[in-house]
């Protein structure tokens, strides 16, 4: 069985060695030291696999190493000892946690180095044994990391899997799945890699700034990020200005030696299954390619039945579509189900309305967080952190310890105690006490039906006044003619 190679991790989980703070700190030092010593080799492998520019590769490396530092700094032996001995001191330890046990990481191929390090460092800080899935393929980075990490980390608590373990073993782990595919483990943190991201540009927005941010987000890191905008919904009154700004930004962003020249040097391995999206845009009768180059383009789609509006984009193609109102944008966005993210560009009130009613896992207002274009999306239905992609708490299980009796426990005890009828009667009386006032000012309140009656009365009165006035006018005219 595949899971037999992980017997040492199962033993380490049982003896709880990863719960020791000093052990985790030492593992962080070994990890950071090994990566630093081989940073040039890692950088070359990332460049070879992704075809990203040198500045994009360096940004990924810096962000990954920052994850290690951030998680390491959360570890404190003094704090852990204080929490451990709370019970001895007669205090509650309501926030006590421990590692989930064994964390199994399935990394994304998009900015793979950061994706791996962000999950691995969080799992290590949380006190877990770790298995990293690195299947054999033609990519350069997995082979490099397989060698470096295996030598750096404790073989009793860290392992690399080249194939997926059986279901029996997976039932024992917490799986971190960054690929968007449904995980096989019962416990899992799933990143919505296949969910779409929508940007809305209202007529009240700073159109030039919105175009600059969205073009950069679409074209950075090969356009393969989950949080790159798959479609930009632009108010029809702002569309002309946005198109002009987007064309200007696209041309500037991809011009010169760092632009078009880079496109030709890109590794074909980085092109995903939607690499023909630009060709499809040229052939789509309901779309118009506004500007394009080698592997990139800006496309305006007019036909709402066009398949271009429903695709998850994996290349440097920015899709634009006009909307008539904020409600129109909200309805169109929600037709795709829950989105990975929403970008709202507009006045504060417009942005509030957009982000309140579009069903998205996360929303950003009047900016694109560039760091989020690197690595996996936040796991579904979890509270995001602005400091790290995964918080240690996501990879831990609660183990609270309570010393003091709660108020509810004392309440139930007093009711169940037949010897103290007074306390029981007081508790019963308090339970039946009316709820506090809402604080609304007293006055005549107009409800739905009252509003209907008032509206009907006003219409009837207006009609009656108009009728009487008309009859009076004709009567006056008739009498005047008779006297003449």
Protein backbone atom coordinates (compact mmCIF):
# COMPACT_ATOMS: atom_id res chain seq x y z
CA UNK A 1 0.00 0.00 0.00
CA UNK A 2 1.16 3.55 -0.75
CA UNK A 3 0.44 4.68 2.80
CA UNK A 4 3.06 2.31 4.30
CA UNK A 5 5.82 4.81 3.41
CA UNK A 6 4.24 7.24 5.86
CA UNK A 7 4.40 4.96 8.93
CA UNK A 8 7.01 7.21 10.56
CA UNK A 9 4.68 10.20 10.24
CA UNK A 10 1.86 8.24 11.86
CA UNK A 11 4.18 7.40 14.75
CA UNK A 12 5.30 11.04 15.06
CA UNK A 13 1.70 12.18 15.12
CA UNK A 14 0.97 9.84 18.00
CA UNK A 15 3.94 10.93 20.10
CA UNK A 16 3.12 14.61 19.43
CA UNK A 17 6.63 15.82 18.76
CA UNK A 18 5.43 18.55 16.36
CA UNK A 19 3.53 20.17 19.24
CA UNK A 20 6.85 21.14 20.81
CA UNK A 21 7.54 24.81 20.10
CA UNK A 22 11.33 24.46 20.06
CA UNK A 23 11.05 21.60 17.57
CA UNK A 24 8.96 23.73 15.20
CA UNK A 25 11.32 26.69 15.53
CA UNK A 26 14.30 24.49 14.64
CA UNK A 27 12.46 23.12 11.60
CA UNK A 28 11.77 26.67 10.43
CA UNK A 29 15.48 27.51 10.70
CA UNK A 30 16.42 24.44 8.69
CA UNK A 31 13.81 25.22 6.05
CA UNK A 32 14.80 28.87 5.64
CA UNK A 33 18.51 28.05 5.57
CA UNK A 34 18.13 25.34 2.90
CA UNK A 35 16.03 27.52 0.63
CA UNK A 36 18.42 30.45 0.97
CA UNK A 37 21.42 28.29 0.09
CA UNK A 38 19.73 27.02 -3.09
CA UNK A 39 17.86 30.20 -4.03
CA UNK A 40 19.59 30.60 -7.41
CA UNK A 41 18.73 27.04 -8.38
CA UNK A 42 15.14 27.53 -7.31
CA UNK A 43 14.92 30.82 -9.21
CA UNK A 44 16.19 29.20 -12.42
CA UNK A 45 13.68 26.35 -12.07
CA UNK A 46 10.78 28.78 -11.59
CA UNK A 47 11.89 30.79 -14.61
CA UNK A 48 12.15 27.66 -16.75
CA UNK A 49 8.70 26.37 -15.75
CA UNK A 50 6.70 29.59 -15.84
CA UNK A 51 8.31 31.83 -18.40
CA UNK A 52 7.57 34.74 -16.06
CA UNK A 53 9.80 37.79 -16.09
CA UNK A 54 12.72 38.10 -13.64
CA UNK A 55 10.86 40.67 -11.54
CA UNK A 56 7.81 38.38 -11.28
CA UNK A 57 9.98 35.43 -10.24
CA UNK A 58 11.70 37.55 -7.60
CA UNK A 59 8.33 38.76 -6.29
CA UNK A 60 7.21 35.13 -5.86
CA UNK A 61 10.42 34.23 -4.04
CA UNK A 62 10.24 37.21 -1.70
CA UNK A 63 6.60 36.58 -0.85
CA UNK A 64 7.31 32.90 -0.13
CA UNK A 65 10.25 33.67 2.15
CA UNK A 66 8.12 36.30 3.90
CA UNK A 67 5.54 33.59 4.66
CA UNK A 68 8.23 31.58 6.45
CA UNK A 69 9.29 34.58 8.51
CA UNK A 70 5.72 35.60 9.38
CA UNK A 71 4.75 32.12 10.57
CA UNK A 72 8.01 31.67 12.49
CA UNK A 73 7.42 34.91 14.40
CA UNK A 74 4.06 33.63 15.64
CA UNK A 75 5.84 30.93 17.66
CA UNK A 76 6.57 31.86 21.27
CA UNK A 77 7.73 29.36 23.87
CA UNK A 78 6.80 31.71 26.71
CA UNK A 79 3.27 32.20 25.43
CA UNK A 80 2.78 28.49 24.81
CA UNK A 81 3.96 27.62 28.33
CA UNK A 82 1.64 30.23 29.81
CA UNK A 83 -1.33 28.76 27.96
CA UNK A 84 -0.30 25.21 28.81
CA UNK A 85 -0.33 25.97 32.55
CA UNK A 86 -3.54 28.00 32.59
CA UNK A 87 -5.40 25.16 34.27
CA UNK A 88 -2.70 24.84 36.93
CA UNK A 89 -3.19 28.55 37.67
CA UNK A 90 -6.95 28.06 37.92
CA UNK A 91 -7.72 29.84 34.61
CA UNK A 92 -9.73 28.83 31.56
CA UNK A 93 -7.79 27.96 28.42
CA UNK A 94 -10.67 28.50 26.02
CA UNK A 95 -8.46 29.10 22.97
CA UNK A 96 -6.35 25.97 23.31
CA UNK A 97 -5.54 24.28 19.98
CA UNK A 98 -3.33 21.56 18.63
CA UNK A 99 -2.26 20.51 15.17
CA UNK A 100 -4.73 18.66 12.98
CA UNK A 101 -2.28 15.75 12.81
CA UNK A 102 -1.04 15.11 9.27
CA UNK A 103 -1.51 17.77 6.59
CA UNK A 104 -1.45 16.55 2.98
CA UNK A 105 -0.67 19.34 0.48
CA UNK A 106 -1.70 19.21 -3.19
CA UNK A 107 0.00 22.29 -4.67
CA UNK A 108 -1.08 24.46 -7.57
CA UNK A 109 1.16 24.68 -10.63
CA UNK A 110 0.58 28.44 -10.77
CA UNK A 111 3.47 30.08 -8.90
CA UNK A 112 4.17 26.64 -7.44
CA UNK A 113 7.02 27.67 -5.15
CA UNK A 114 4.94 30.18 -3.21
CA UNK A 115 1.93 27.84 -3.24
CA UNK A 116 3.97 25.11 -1.58
CA UNK A 117 5.82 27.28 0.94
CA UNK A 118 2.68 29.15 2.04
CA UNK A 119 0.88 25.91 2.92
CA UNK A 120 3.96 24.12 4.29
CA UNK A 121 5.01 26.94 6.62
CA UNK A 122 1.46 27.33 7.97
CA UNK A 123 1.18 23.58 8.60
CA UNK A 124 4.56 23.60 10.34
CA UNK A 125 3.62 26.56 12.56
CA UNK A 126 0.34 24.83 13.46
CA UNK A 127 2.21 21.78 14.76
CA UNK A 128 1.53 19.16 12.09
CA UNK A 129 3.31 16.39 10.29
CA UNK A 130 3.37 17.22 6.57
CA UNK A 131 3.12 15.31 3.30
CA UNK A 132 3.76 17.21 0.07
CA UNK A 133 2.45 15.72 -3.16
CA UNK A 134 4.99 16.21 -5.97
CA UNK A 135 4.17 13.90 -8.85
CA UNK A 136 6.82 13.17 -11.46
CA UNK A 137 6.46 15.38 -14.53
CA UNK A 138 8.54 17.47 -16.91
CA UNK A 139 8.61 20.54 -14.65
CA UNK A 140 11.96 21.54 -13.18
CA UNK A 141 10.86 22.92 -9.81
CA UNK A 142 9.35 19.74 -8.29
CA UNK A 143 12.60 17.83 -8.77
CA UNK A 144 14.59 20.65 -7.16
CA UNK A 145 12.24 20.93 -4.16
CA UNK A 146 12.06 17.17 -3.76
CA UNK A 147 15.80 17.09 -3.14
CA UNK A 148 16.11 20.29 -1.05
CA UNK A 149 13.13 19.76 1.26
CA UNK A 150 13.84 16.07 1.87
CA UNK A 151 17.35 16.95 3.07
CA UNK A 152 16.31 19.97 5.13
CA UNK A 153 13.29 18.71 7.10
CA UNK A 154 12.93 15.87 9.62
CA UNK A 155 12.06 12.65 7.80
CA UNK A 156 9.96 11.56 10.78
CA UNK A 157 7.55 14.47 10.33
CA UNK A 158 7.90 15.41 6.65
CA UNK A 159 7.54 13.32 3.52
CA UNK A 160 7.03 13.75 -0.21
CA UNK A 161 4.51 11.64 -2.10
CA UNK A 162 4.88 10.97 -5.81
CA UNK A 163 1.41 9.44 -6.07
CA UNK A 164 -1.89 9.85 -4.24
CA UNK A 165 -2.29 7.56 -1.19
CA UNK A 166 -5.31 5.29 -0.85
CA UNK A 167 -8.62 6.41 0.65
CA UNK A 168 -7.92 4.65 3.95
CA UNK A 169 -4.85 6.79 4.56
CA UNK A 170 -6.47 9.99 3.30
CA UNK A 171 -9.21 9.56 5.89
CA UNK A 172 -6.54 10.26 8.53
CA UNK A 173 -5.25 13.54 7.07
CA UNK A 174 -6.28 17.15 6.53
CA UNK A 175 -5.89 17.82 2.80
CA UNK A 176 -4.93 21.25 1.49
CA UNK A 177 -6.07 21.19 -2.12
CA UNK A 178 -4.97 24.18 -4.21
CA UNK A 179 -6.00 22.80 -7.61
CA UNK A 180 -9.75 23.35 -7.38
CA UNK A 181 -10.52 19.66 -7.87
CA UNK A 182 -12.71 17.97 -5.28
CA UNK A 183 -10.41 16.45 -2.63
CA UNK A 184 -10.69 12.81 -1.64
CA UNK A 185 -10.04 13.43 2.05
CA UNK A 186 -12.93 13.88 4.47
CA UNK A 187 -11.23 16.93 6.01
CA UNK A 188 -10.02 19.47 3.50
CA UNK A 189 -9.24 23.09 2.71
CA UNK A 190 -10.20 23.68 -0.91
CA UNK A 191 -9.08 26.69 -2.94
CA UNK A 192 -11.62 27.63 -5.65
CA UNK A 193 -9.09 27.56 -8.49
CA UNK A 194 -11.79 27.11 -11.14
CA UNK A 195 -14.18 29.79 -9.84
CA UNK A 196 -14.39 33.01 -11.83
CA UNK A 197 -13.38 36.52 -10.81
CA UNK A 198 -15.44 39.51 -11.97
CA UNK A 199 -14.60 43.21 -11.94
CA UNK A 200 -17.28 45.93 -12.07
CA UNK A 201 -16.42 49.47 -13.18
CA UNK A 202 -19.18 51.94 -12.40
CA UNK A 203 -19.62 55.30 -14.12
CA UNK A 204 -18.52 56.95 -10.82
CA UNK A 205 -15.14 55.20 -10.87
CA UNK A 206 -11.72 56.64 -11.57
CA UNK A 207 -11.72 54.96 -14.99
CA UNK A 208 -8.03 55.45 -15.76
CA UNK A 209 -6.94 53.98 -12.40
CA UNK A 210 -9.36 51.05 -12.79
CA UNK A 211 -8.04 50.27 -16.27
CA UNK A 212 -4.44 50.39 -15.08
CA UNK A 213 -5.10 48.03 -12.16
CA UNK A 214 -7.22 45.54 -14.11
CA UNK A 215 -4.93 45.32 -17.14
CA UNK A 216 -1.96 44.70 -14.85
CA UNK A 217 -3.90 42.05 -12.93
CA UNK A 218 -4.92 40.27 -16.12
CA UNK A 219 -1.46 40.26 -17.72
CA UNK A 220 0.75 39.63 -14.66
CA UNK A 221 2.14 36.13 -14.02
CA UNK A 222 0.93 34.84 -17.37
CA UNK A 223 -2.70 35.66 -16.58
CA UNK A 224 -3.06 32.36 -14.75
CA UNK A 225 -4.03 33.62 -11.28
CA UNK A 226 -7.41 32.71 -9.85
CA UNK A 227 -7.80 36.37 -8.91
CA UNK A 228 -7.03 37.77 -12.38
CA UNK A 229 -10.30 39.29 -13.67
CA UNK A 230 -12.03 36.88 -16.05
CA UNK A 231 -14.46 39.58 -17.17
CA UNK A 232 -14.71 43.33 -16.61
CA UNK A 233 -18.26 44.70 -16.55
CA UNK A 234 -18.16 48.37 -17.46
CA UNK A 235 -21.05 50.81 -17.25
CA UNK A 236 -21.99 51.67 -20.84
CA UNK A 237 -21.57 55.40 -20.18
CA UNK A 238 -17.95 54.79 -19.11
CA UNK A 239 -17.10 52.15 -21.71
CA UNK A 240 -15.47 54.48 -24.26
CA UNK A 241 -13.16 56.02 -21.65
CA UNK A 242 -12.32 52.61 -20.19
CA UNK A 243 -11.51 51.10 -23.59
CA UNK A 244 -9.17 53.96 -24.43
CA UNK A 245 -7.40 53.65 -21.06
CA UNK A 246 -7.20 49.84 -21.29
CA UNK A 247 -5.67 49.96 -24.79
CA UNK A 248 -3.12 52.50 -23.61
CA UNK A 249 -2.22 50.40 -20.54
CA UNK A 250 -2.03 47.15 -22.51
CA UNK A 251 0.25 48.65 -25.12
CA UNK A 252 2.52 50.18 -22.47
CA UNK A 253 2.56 47.07 -20.31
CA UNK A 254 3.67 44.75 -23.11
CA UNK A 255 5.83 47.05 -25.19
CA UNK A 256 9.59 46.92 -25.49
CA UNK A 257 12.12 44.32 -24.38
CA UNK A 258 10.13 43.29 -21.30
CA UNK A 259 6.91 42.88 -23.27
CA UNK A 260 6.67 41.52 -26.77
CA UNK A 261 10.16 40.07 -26.60
CA UNK A 262 9.21 38.16 -23.48
CA UNK A 263 6.15 36.69 -25.17
CA UNK A 264 8.25 34.97 -27.77
CA UNK A 265 10.59 33.55 -25.14
CA UNK A 266 7.81 32.19 -22.97
CA UNK A 267 7.87 28.50 -22.22
CA UNK A 268 4.98 26.76 -24.01
CA UNK A 269 4.49 24.56 -20.96
CA UNK A 270 2.86 27.48 -19.15
CA UNK A 271 0.00 27.78 -21.65
CA UNK A 272 -3.15 26.20 -20.28
CA UNK A 273 -6.11 24.57 -22.01
CA UNK A 274 -7.60 27.97 -22.85
CA UNK A 275 -4.56 29.08 -24.88
CA UNK A 276 -6.79 29.49 -27.95
CA UNK A 277 -9.06 32.04 -26.30
CA UNK A 278 -7.65 34.89 -28.39
CA UNK A 279 -8.27 32.89 -31.58
CA UNK A 280 -11.81 32.18 -30.40
CA UNK A 281 -12.30 35.91 -29.83
CA UNK A 282 -11.33 36.67 -33.42
CA UNK A 283 -13.87 34.11 -34.65
CA UNK A 284 -16.72 35.12 -32.32
CA UNK A 285 -19.26 37.27 -34.15
CA UNK A 286 -20.41 38.83 -30.87
CA UNK A 287 -16.89 39.96 -29.90
CA UNK A 288 -14.44 42.57 -31.13
CA UNK A 289 -10.68 42.36 -30.54
CA UNK A 290 -9.70 45.92 -29.64
CA UNK A 291 -5.95 45.37 -29.53
CA UNK A 292 -3.77 42.28 -29.52
CA UNK A 293 -0.22 41.05 -29.73
CA UNK A 294 1.72 37.82 -29.37
CA UNK A 295 -0.43 35.84 -26.91
CA UNK A 296 -2.28 38.83 -25.44
CA UNK A 297 -5.28 40.98 -26.23
CA UNK A 298 -8.15 43.16 -25.08
CA UNK A 299 -11.57 41.97 -26.26
CA UNK A 300 -14.97 43.65 -26.05
CA UNK A 301 -17.92 41.22 -26.03
CA UNK A 302 -21.40 42.51 -26.91
CA UNK A 303 -23.38 39.27 -27.22
CA UNK A 304 -24.41 37.95 -23.80
CA UNK A 305 -24.79 34.47 -25.25
CA UNK A 306 -21.11 34.41 -26.19
CA UNK A 307 -19.16 31.59 -24.49
CA UNK A 308 -16.37 34.10 -23.89
CA UNK A 309 -18.38 35.52 -20.97
CA UNK A 310 -18.49 32.20 -19.11
CA UNK A 311 -14.88 30.99 -19.47
CA UNK A 312 -12.23 30.82 -16.78
CA UNK A 313 -9.43 32.73 -18.50
CA UNK A 314 -5.91 31.33 -18.20
CA UNK A 315 -4.03 33.69 -20.51
CA UNK A 316 -3.34 37.37 -21.10
CA UNK A 317 -6.73 38.25 -22.55
CA UNK A 318 -8.86 40.95 -20.92
CA UNK A 319 -12.60 40.48 -21.61
CA UNK A 320 -14.81 43.59 -21.44
CA UNK A 321 -18.60 43.73 -21.49
CA UNK A 322 -20.97 46.72 -21.15
CA UNK A 323 -23.71 46.85 -18.51
CA UNK A 324 -26.59 49.29 -18.17
CA UNK A 325 -26.61 49.62 -14.38
CA UNK A 326 -25.26 48.24 -11.13
CA UNK A 327 -28.25 45.89 -10.90
CA UNK A 328 -27.48 44.63 -14.40
CA UNK A 329 -23.87 43.94 -13.36
CA UNK A 330 -25.00 42.17 -10.18
CA UNK A 331 -27.48 39.94 -12.01
CA UNK A 332 -24.93 39.00 -14.67
CA UNK A 333 -22.25 38.28 -12.07
CA UNK A 334 -24.51 36.10 -9.95
CA UNK A 335 -25.52 34.00 -12.96
CA UNK A 336 -22.11 32.30 -12.66
CA UNK A 337 -22.66 31.06 -9.10
CA UNK A 338 -20.34 31.97 -6.24
CA UNK A 339 -17.35 33.90 -7.57
CA UNK A 340 -13.78 33.57 -6.35
CA UNK A 341 -13.60 37.36 -6.00
CA UNK A 342 -15.11 40.68 -7.04
CA UNK A 343 -13.33 43.94 -7.81
CA UNK A 344 -15.61 46.96 -7.40
CA UNK A 345 -14.50 50.29 -8.87
CA UNK A 346 -16.74 53.28 -8.14
CA UNK A 347 -17.87 55.70 -5.46
CA UNK A 348 -18.05 54.33 -1.90
CA UNK A 349 -21.84 53.96 -2.10
CA UNK A 350 -21.69 52.20 -5.48
CA UNK A 351 -18.90 49.88 -4.30
CA UNK A 352 -20.85 49.06 -1.15
CA UNK A 353 -23.91 48.13 -3.23
CA UNK A 354 -21.88 45.98 -5.64
CA UNK A 355 -19.97 44.04 -3.00
CA UNK A 356 -23.05 43.57 -0.82
CA UNK A 357 -25.14 41.87 -3.48
CA UNK A 358 -22.64 40.02 -5.68
CA UNK A 359 -22.09 36.49 -4.38
CA UNK A 360 -18.29 36.33 -4.10
CA UNK A 361 -15.96 34.71 -1.60
CA UNK A 362 -14.06 37.97 -1.20
CA UNK A 363 -14.33 41.53 -2.53
CA UNK A 364 -11.83 44.34 -3.05
CA UNK A 365 -12.84 47.96 -3.53
CA UNK A 366 -11.04 50.36 -5.90
CA UNK A 367 -7.81 48.37 -5.97
CA UNK A 368 -6.27 45.04 -6.90
CA UNK A 369 -4.05 43.46 -4.21
CA UNK A 370 -1.09 42.46 -6.38
CA UNK A 371 0.20 39.90 -3.87
CA UNK A 372 -3.03 37.91 -4.31
CA UNK A 373 -2.10 37.24 -7.94
CA UNK A 374 0.63 34.95 -6.59
CA UNK A 375 -0.25 31.55 -5.17
CA UNK A 376 -3.54 29.78 -4.51
CA UNK A 377 -6.88 31.37 -3.73
CA UNK A 378 -8.04 31.58 -0.13
CA UNK A 379 -9.73 28.32 0.95
CA UNK A 380 -13.50 28.30 0.57
CA UNK A 381 -15.57 29.46 3.58
CA UNK A 382 -12.60 30.53 5.68
CA UNK A 383 -11.73 33.91 7.16
CA UNK A 384 -8.93 35.39 5.01
CA UNK A 385 -5.75 36.86 6.45
CA UNK A 386 -3.97 39.82 4.87
CA UNK A 387 -0.63 38.63 6.28
CA UNK A 388 -0.53 35.02 5.09
CA UNK A 389 -2.41 32.79 2.66
CA UNK A 390 -3.11 30.18 5.34
CA UNK A 391 -3.38 30.94 9.02
CA UNK A 392 -2.16 28.24 11.44
CA UNK A 393 -5.65 28.14 12.97
CA UNK A 394 -7.00 26.67 9.72
CA UNK A 395 -4.69 23.70 10.22
CA UNK A 396 -5.44 23.16 13.90
CA UNK A 397 -8.29 21.68 15.92
CA UNK A 398 -9.72 23.31 19.08
CA UNK A 399 -9.01 21.63 22.42
CA UNK A 400 -10.42 24.10 25.03
CA UNK A 401 -9.98 23.60 28.79
CA UNK A 402 -12.44 25.20 31.22
CA UNK A 403 -11.99 25.66 34.96
CA UNK A 404 -14.69 28.17 35.90
CA UNK A 405 -18.37 27.29 35.88
CA UNK A 406 -20.34 29.18 33.23
CA UNK A 407 -23.41 31.32 33.90
CA UNK A 408 -25.63 28.92 31.97
CA UNK A 409 -24.35 25.99 34.02
CA UNK A 410 -25.18 27.85 37.26
CA UNK A 411 -28.63 28.70 35.87
CA UNK A 412 -29.49 25.08 35.06
CA UNK A 413 -28.08 23.91 38.39
CA UNK A 414 -30.30 26.38 40.29
CA UNK A 415 -33.40 25.21 38.42
CA UNK A 416 -32.65 21.54 38.99
CA UNK A 417 -31.94 22.04 42.71
CA UNK A 418 -35.23 21.31 44.56
CA UNK A 419 -33.89 22.73 47.82
CA UNK A 420 -33.73 26.30 46.52
CA UNK A 421 -37.17 27.21 45.18
CA UNK A 422 -36.43 30.95 45.32
CA UNK A 423 -33.57 30.79 42.83
CA UNK A 424 -35.59 28.53 40.55
CA UNK A 425 -38.55 30.93 40.62
CA UNK A 426 -36.31 33.91 39.95
CA UNK A 427 -34.71 32.14 37.00
CA UNK A 428 -38.14 31.27 35.59
CA UNK A 429 -39.38 34.83 36.01
CA UNK A 430 -36.29 36.26 34.35
CA UNK A 431 -36.63 33.87 31.41
CA UNK A 432 -40.17 35.17 30.75
CA UNK A 433 -39.19 38.84 30.99
CA UNK A 434 -39.84 40.83 27.82
CA UNK A 435 -36.91 41.57 25.56
CA UNK A 436 -35.36 45.07 25.69
CA UNK A 437 -36.87 47.75 23.48
CA UNK A 438 -35.54 48.16 19.95
CA UNK A 439 -34.94 51.84 20.65
CA UNK A 440 -37.09 52.98 17.76
CA UNK A 441 -38.72 56.36 18.34
CA UNK A 442 -42.48 56.29 18.95
CA UNK A 443 -44.69 57.66 16.21
CA UNK A 444 -47.02 56.74 13.43
CA UNK A 445 -45.35 54.10 11.27
CA UNK A 446 -46.44 53.58 7.69
CA UNK A 447 -46.32 49.96 6.65
CA UNK A 448 -46.72 48.32 3.25
CA UNK A 449 -50.51 48.17 3.32
CA UNK A 450 -50.89 51.65 4.82
CA UNK A 451 -48.69 53.02 2.08
CA UNK A 452 -50.92 51.33 -0.49
CA UNK A 453 -54.07 52.85 1.02
CA UNK A 454 -52.50 56.31 1.10
CA UNK A 455 -51.37 56.00 -2.51
CA UNK A 456 -54.81 54.83 -3.58
CA UNK A 457 -56.47 57.68 -1.67
CA UNK A 458 -54.19 60.27 -3.25
CA UNK A 459 -54.88 58.93 -6.74
CA UNK A 460 -58.65 58.90 -6.09
CA UNK A 461 -58.60 62.40 -4.65
CA UNK A 462 -56.56 63.72 -7.56
CA UNK A 463 -58.98 62.15 -10.02
CA UNK A 464 -61.97 63.64 -8.18
CA UNK A 465 -60.41 67.11 -8.09
CA UNK A 466 -59.61 66.91 -11.80
CA UNK A 467 -63.16 65.80 -12.61
CA UNK A 468 -64.79 68.54 -10.53
CA UNK A 469 -62.47 71.15 -12.01
CA UNK A 470 -63.28 70.04 -15.55
CA UNK A 471 -67.04 70.03 -14.94
CA UNK A 472 -66.82 73.44 -13.28
CA UNK A 473 -64.88 74.89 -16.18
CA UNK A 474 -67.38 73.65 -18.76
CA UNK A 475 -70.30 74.86 -16.62
CA UNK A 476 -68.74 78.31 -16.27
CA UNK A 477 -68.11 78.49 -20.03
CA UNK A 478 -71.68 77.41 -20.80
CA UNK A 479 -73.22 80.00 -18.43
CA UNK A 480 -70.99 82.74 -19.85
CA UNK A 481 -72.13 81.97 -23.41
CA UNK A 482 -75.82 82.05 -22.35
CA UNK A 483 -75.44 85.51 -20.79
CA UNK A 484 -73.74 86.78 -23.89
